[in-house]
Protein backbone atom coordinates (compact mmCIF):
# COMPACT_ATOMS: atom_id res chain seq x y z
CA MET A 1 98.11 108.31 69.83
CA CYS A 2 94.40 107.65 70.83
CA ALA A 3 93.87 104.34 69.20
CA ASP A 4 89.59 104.32 70.87
CA LEU A 5 87.45 107.60 70.13
CA TYR A 6 88.56 111.40 69.65
CA VAL A 7 85.71 113.33 71.45
CA ARG A 8 86.15 117.10 71.77
CA GLY A 9 89.11 117.41 72.26
CA GLN A 10 89.79 114.32 74.98
CA CYS A 11 90.61 110.69 73.39
CA MET A 12 88.02 108.40 75.16
CA ASN A 13 87.78 104.68 74.53
CA ARG A 14 84.26 103.55 73.34
CA ARG A 15 83.38 101.81 76.32
CA ASP A 16 83.54 105.12 77.50
CA PHE A 17 82.32 106.87 75.09
CA LEU A 18 79.17 104.49 75.83
CA LYS A 19 78.08 104.78 78.81
CA ALA A 20 78.06 108.95 78.29
CA THR A 21 76.08 108.69 75.13
CA LEU A 22 73.43 106.41 76.97
CA ALA A 23 73.24 108.53 80.88
CA THR A 24 73.12 112.03 78.86
CA GLY A 25 69.72 110.45 76.93
CA LEU A 26 68.73 109.48 80.02
CA PHE A 27 69.71 112.83 81.79
CA PHE A 28 67.51 114.43 79.34
CA ALA A 29 64.32 112.13 79.79
CA THR A 30 64.71 112.15 83.75
CA ARG A 31 65.19 115.97 83.54
CA ARG A 32 61.14 116.11 81.87
CA ILE A 33 59.99 114.61 84.81
CA PHE A 34 61.81 115.58 88.01
CA GLY A 35 63.20 119.16 87.02
CA ASP A 36 66.50 120.28 88.43
CA PRO A 37 65.37 122.28 91.34
CA ILE A 38 67.44 124.38 94.17
CA ARG A 39 69.31 121.97 96.57
CA ASP A 40 70.40 122.94 100.13
CA GLU A 41 73.13 121.62 102.76
CA TYR A 42 71.60 119.50 105.60
CA ASP A 43 72.82 116.19 106.77
CA VAL A 44 69.99 115.23 107.50
CA GLY A 45 66.35 116.21 104.78
CA ILE A 46 63.17 114.91 106.63
CA VAL A 47 59.93 115.44 103.99
CA LYS A 48 56.41 114.68 104.84
CA GLY A 49 53.52 114.40 102.22
CA SER A 50 51.61 111.59 100.32
CA ASP A 51 53.21 112.57 96.46
CA TYR A 52 56.03 110.22 97.07
CA GLU A 53 57.93 110.80 94.01
CA LYS A 54 58.00 114.30 95.37
CA ALA A 55 59.19 113.63 98.20
CA VAL A 56 62.01 111.71 97.51
CA VAL A 57 63.51 114.45 95.15
CA ASN A 58 62.58 117.21 98.21
CA ALA A 59 64.42 115.09 100.16
CA ILE A 60 67.36 114.22 98.57
CA ASN A 61 68.02 117.46 97.75
CA LEU A 62 67.70 118.84 101.02
CA VAL A 63 70.85 116.84 101.46
CA GLY A 64 72.66 117.89 98.81
CA GLY A 65 71.20 116.92 96.27
CA ILE A 66 71.30 113.69 93.72
CA ARG A 67 74.63 114.84 92.37
CA ALA A 68 76.82 115.09 95.48
CA TYR A 69 76.21 111.30 95.60
CA VAL A 70 76.64 110.49 92.10
CA LYS A 71 78.76 111.16 89.19
CA PRO A 72 78.87 111.11 85.16
CA GLY A 73 79.83 107.99 84.76
CA ASP A 74 79.26 106.10 88.28
CA ILE A 75 77.59 102.43 88.89
CA VAL A 76 75.23 102.51 91.52
CA VAL A 77 73.65 99.77 93.68
CA VAL A 78 69.96 100.39 95.65
CA LYS A 79 69.49 98.44 98.09
CA PRO A 80 65.86 98.50 99.12
CA ASN A 81 65.04 96.20 101.25
CA ILE A 82 63.14 93.27 99.18
CA GLY A 83 63.16 90.64 101.87
CA TRP A 84 59.70 89.01 102.07
CA ASN A 85 57.10 87.56 99.90
CA SER A 86 54.67 90.09 100.44
CA PRO A 87 52.62 93.10 98.38
CA PRO A 88 53.71 96.28 99.10
CA GLU A 89 50.61 97.78 100.78
CA LEU A 90 51.62 95.24 103.92
CA LYS A 91 54.79 97.56 103.32
CA ALA A 92 57.49 94.32 104.35
CA ASN A 93 60.15 95.88 101.71
CA THR A 94 60.77 99.36 100.45
CA ASP A 95 57.81 100.69 98.79
CA PRO A 96 59.04 100.43 94.75
CA LEU A 97 57.01 103.73 93.33
CA LEU A 98 60.16 104.71 95.70
CA VAL A 99 62.53 102.65 94.59
CA ARG A 100 61.66 103.56 91.06
CA THR A 101 62.44 107.16 91.69
CA VAL A 102 65.79 107.04 92.96
CA VAL A 103 66.92 104.78 89.98
CA HIS A 104 65.84 107.51 87.80
CA LEU A 105 67.38 110.26 89.97
CA CYS A 106 70.59 108.42 89.04
CA PHE A 107 70.66 108.59 85.65
CA GLN A 108 69.34 112.04 85.95
CA ALA A 109 73.35 112.11 87.29
CA LEU A 110 74.66 110.95 84.53
CA ALA A 111 75.25 107.28 86.26
CA SER A 112 76.28 104.37 83.79
CA LYS A 113 74.51 102.05 85.29
CA VAL A 114 72.12 101.30 88.58
CA TYR A 115 71.54 97.77 89.92
CA VAL A 116 68.38 96.95 91.97
CA PHE A 117 69.24 94.00 94.60
CA ASP A 118 68.51 92.58 97.37
CA ARG A 119 69.37 88.51 100.03
CA PRO A 120 66.23 87.86 100.24
CA VAL A 121 64.94 85.76 103.51
CA ASN A 122 62.03 84.33 100.94
CA ASN A 123 62.20 82.93 97.88
CA PRO A 124 63.57 86.39 95.53
CA ARG A 125 61.48 84.78 92.44
CA LEU A 126 58.74 85.89 94.74
CA THR A 127 59.84 88.74 96.58
CA TYR A 128 61.32 90.42 93.79
CA VAL A 129 57.24 90.44 92.01
CA ASN A 130 55.00 90.27 94.33
CA SER A 131 57.25 93.25 96.41
CA GLY A 132 56.38 95.10 93.28
CA ILE A 133 60.59 96.20 93.72
CA GLU A 134 61.46 94.40 90.11
CA GLU A 135 59.02 96.19 87.30
CA ALA A 136 59.36 99.17 89.30
CA ALA A 137 63.51 99.01 89.12
CA GLU A 138 63.57 98.06 85.41
CA SER A 139 60.62 100.27 84.29
CA ALA A 140 63.74 102.56 85.25
CA GLY A 141 66.10 101.00 83.65
CA ALA A 142 67.32 99.58 86.58
CA LYS A 143 69.52 95.81 85.65
CA VAL A 144 67.42 93.81 89.30
CA LEU A 145 69.80 91.10 89.93
CA TYR A 146 69.10 87.26 91.39
CA VAL A 147 72.19 87.02 94.37
CA SER A 148 70.70 84.50 96.40
CA ASP A 149 72.54 81.74 95.04
CA VAL A 150 75.94 82.28 96.95
CA SER A 151 79.55 81.67 96.12
CA LYS A 152 82.93 82.64 96.60
CA LYS A 153 83.08 84.38 93.11
CA LEU A 154 79.53 86.36 94.07
CA TYR A 155 81.00 87.21 97.53
CA PRO A 156 84.42 87.58 98.12
CA ALA A 157 85.93 87.17 101.38
CA VAL A 158 86.32 91.39 102.51
CA LYS A 159 87.90 91.51 106.35
CA ILE A 160 87.02 94.49 107.99
CA ARG A 161 89.30 96.43 109.71
CA ASP A 162 88.80 98.01 113.80
CA ALA A 163 85.30 95.64 114.00
CA ASN A 164 84.22 93.80 116.97
CA TRP A 165 83.21 90.74 116.39
CA LEU A 166 82.54 90.35 112.38
CA LYS A 167 86.32 91.00 110.95
CA GLU A 168 85.60 88.61 108.33
CA THR A 169 82.09 88.64 105.99
CA THR A 170 82.07 87.94 102.35
CA VAL A 171 80.31 91.54 100.92
CA ASN A 172 78.68 91.18 97.17
CA ARG A 173 80.82 91.97 94.57
CA TYR A 174 78.43 94.21 92.56
CA VAL A 175 78.99 97.08 96.24
CA LEU A 176 82.24 96.11 95.92
CA GLU A 177 82.85 97.16 92.45
CA SER A 178 79.95 100.51 92.12
CA ASP A 179 80.96 103.71 92.84
CA VAL A 180 77.74 104.07 95.16
CA LEU A 181 75.11 102.48 97.54
CA ILE A 182 72.41 104.38 98.11
CA ASN A 183 71.16 102.16 100.81
CA MET A 184 66.85 101.93 100.90
CA PRO A 185 65.07 100.54 103.93
CA VAL A 186 61.79 100.38 104.93
CA ALA A 187 60.89 101.73 108.20
CA LYS A 188 59.98 98.45 111.11
CA THR A 189 60.11 96.93 114.06
CA HIS A 190 62.16 93.96 114.91
CA SER A 191 61.68 90.81 117.20
CA SER A 192 65.52 90.97 117.33
CA ALA A 193 67.26 93.80 116.86
CA GLY A 194 64.75 96.18 117.78
CA LEU A 195 64.23 98.08 115.05
CA THR A 196 64.81 97.17 111.16
CA ILE A 197 66.29 100.38 109.06
CA GLY A 198 69.68 101.54 107.33
CA MET A 199 72.21 99.64 109.25
CA LYS A 200 70.37 97.10 109.67
CA ASN A 201 69.58 96.69 105.25
CA LEU A 202 73.20 95.76 105.13
CA MET A 203 73.22 92.52 106.07
CA GLY A 204 71.27 91.83 102.48
CA ILE A 205 74.91 92.45 100.63
CA SER A 206 76.44 89.44 102.69
CA GLY A 207 76.54 85.69 101.66
CA ASP A 208 76.88 84.82 105.29
CA GLN A 209 75.01 82.43 107.20
CA ARG A 210 72.77 85.13 108.86
CA SER A 211 71.91 82.48 111.79
CA LYS A 212 75.91 83.44 112.05
CA TRP A 213 75.19 87.11 112.36
CA HIS A 214 72.32 86.82 115.32
CA TRP A 215 75.20 85.41 117.48
CA GLU A 216 76.25 89.07 118.58
CA LEU A 217 73.11 90.86 115.87
CA HIS A 218 74.08 94.68 116.85
CA GLU A 219 77.87 93.49 116.86
CA ALA A 220 77.03 92.01 113.41
CA ILE A 221 75.13 94.73 111.88
CA SER A 222 77.48 98.25 113.30
CA ASP A 223 80.54 96.33 112.58
CA ILE A 224 79.31 95.71 107.97
CA ASN A 225 78.42 100.11 108.22
CA LEU A 226 82.16 99.64 109.31
CA GLY A 227 83.27 97.86 106.40
CA VAL A 228 80.88 99.12 103.53
CA LYS A 229 79.21 102.69 103.83
CA SER A 230 76.25 103.39 102.74
CA HIS A 231 76.53 106.75 100.44
CA LEU A 232 73.14 107.94 100.74
CA THR A 233 70.23 106.44 102.92
CA VAL A 234 66.73 107.16 101.60
CA VAL A 235 64.62 105.44 104.48
CA ASP A 236 61.25 104.71 103.63
CA ALA A 237 58.65 105.81 106.58
CA THR A 238 55.60 106.20 104.51
CA ASN A 239 53.74 104.14 106.21
CA ILE A 240 55.74 101.94 109.72
CA MET A 241 55.20 98.91 110.86
CA VAL A 242 54.74 98.81 114.61
CA LYS A 243 53.94 95.60 115.90
CA ASN A 244 55.06 91.76 114.92
CA GLY A 245 58.59 92.96 112.43
CA PRO A 246 59.73 92.12 110.25
CA THR A 247 57.24 90.54 108.51
CA GLY A 248 53.99 92.34 109.65
CA GLY A 249 51.16 90.92 107.14
CA ARG A 250 48.38 92.88 108.35
CA ALA A 251 47.20 96.71 107.50
CA ASP A 252 46.75 97.39 111.56
CA TYR A 253 50.31 96.80 112.56
CA LEU A 254 51.35 100.21 110.16
CA ASN A 255 51.43 103.89 111.42
CA ARG A 256 50.95 105.90 108.50
CA LEU A 257 52.92 108.68 108.74
CA ASP A 258 53.53 109.63 104.44
CA THR A 259 57.55 110.16 105.52
CA ILE A 260 60.51 110.96 103.63
CA ILE A 261 64.43 110.51 105.20
CA ALA A 262 67.35 110.75 103.34
CA SER A 263 70.98 111.89 104.73
CA PRO A 264 74.98 110.81 103.68
CA ASP A 265 75.05 108.93 107.14
CA VAL A 266 73.00 106.06 108.28
CA VAL A 267 73.56 106.47 112.05
CA SER A 268 72.24 110.18 111.84
CA ALA A 269 69.47 109.05 109.27
CA ASP A 270 68.05 105.99 111.38
CA ALA A 271 68.35 107.97 114.42
CA VAL A 272 65.60 110.61 113.00
CA ALA A 273 63.73 107.34 112.04
CA ALA A 274 63.89 105.27 115.54
CA GLY A 275 62.32 109.12 116.89
CA LEU A 276 59.24 108.17 114.59
CA PHE A 277 58.82 104.72 116.78
CA GLU A 278 58.90 106.91 120.08
CA ARG A 279 62.50 105.28 120.53
CA ASN A 280 65.56 106.51 121.53
CA PRO A 281 68.42 105.94 119.22
CA SER A 282 70.98 104.92 121.84
CA GLY A 283 69.03 102.27 123.36
CA ILE A 284 69.04 100.49 119.68
CA GLY A 285 72.07 98.76 120.52
CA TYR A 286 73.53 98.45 116.95
CA LEU A 287 72.68 102.69 117.21
CA ALA A 288 74.21 103.29 119.72
CA LEU A 289 77.83 101.35 117.96
CA GLY A 290 77.43 103.35 115.09
CA GLN A 291 78.56 105.78 116.63
CA GLN A 292 80.68 104.63 119.34
CA LYS A 293 82.63 103.35 115.98
CA GLY A 294 82.59 106.34 114.35
CA ILE A 295 80.16 105.50 111.78
CA GLY A 296 77.44 108.02 112.38
CA ARG A 297 76.01 110.18 114.69
CA LEU A 298 72.85 109.66 116.71
CA GLU A 299 72.73 113.90 117.86
CA GLY A 300 74.73 116.47 116.93
CA PHE A 301 73.55 117.10 113.19
CA THR A 302 71.50 119.40 111.06
CA SER A 303 68.70 118.45 110.01
CA LYS A 304 65.50 120.39 107.93
CA THR A 305 61.85 119.07 107.89
CA ILE A 306 59.31 120.45 105.28
CA ARG A 307 56.25 119.42 104.44
CA ILE A 308 54.92 119.38 100.97
């Protein structure tokens, strides 16, 4: 006997009904913006062009389209880099326009909720606002979370099976409880890691002391990716930081490439991004470990590059 709601021959509780109703409304709203274009099936999609909204949509469509990753009713975490108190034009953080576009796409795929957050290095009350990401994400319907106050409830302990060094860490509960994690790094040089792209972006989902990770940084980065899967990685390589990363601070530290990279394989996405810096991906410690540990591939993947 159905004690809740009976819809189209199926028993639905009120929570599921409300989720479906909200998502359907958002679907029709966002479909008018983004349409429903043809999708391809490559391991990595690379799009070059100055229309960043269109570039993101096309890059994701090259790897199957958003509905390959987000299903109706899913709870999605979108994890940009919001680490630094810096304006969008200096590229220390992920471009807010890209974040807004991905949130829109998630609702187009009928996600029930989309959370956007990072555990910044600088004060989140500054980074969220000055990066432009808080306003952009909220304008698309996402819930922006402040997660810098570390507690056992917000960051439960998690054991990572087969980890070499980071055998136990703390992971944000919204990530653990979500259906989909979309990793949205900005491509930059990094004084300790060499480069910071998708794999390193997952430092922001842990409540650990960052100084601890720097004891064995490449092992720690690869281990967190062993424990937590990025279902889709979308790399902001629109204006890559080639000097003084990860903080930057000057426009002449940047190299404008107008490039978006998308892949369900974070290692492959990072490998392609590393090539933009003229770096051998296998020479980046955590990328080499990512392949060794079976997280993803540095070579042998299919890709397609288009210009718009």
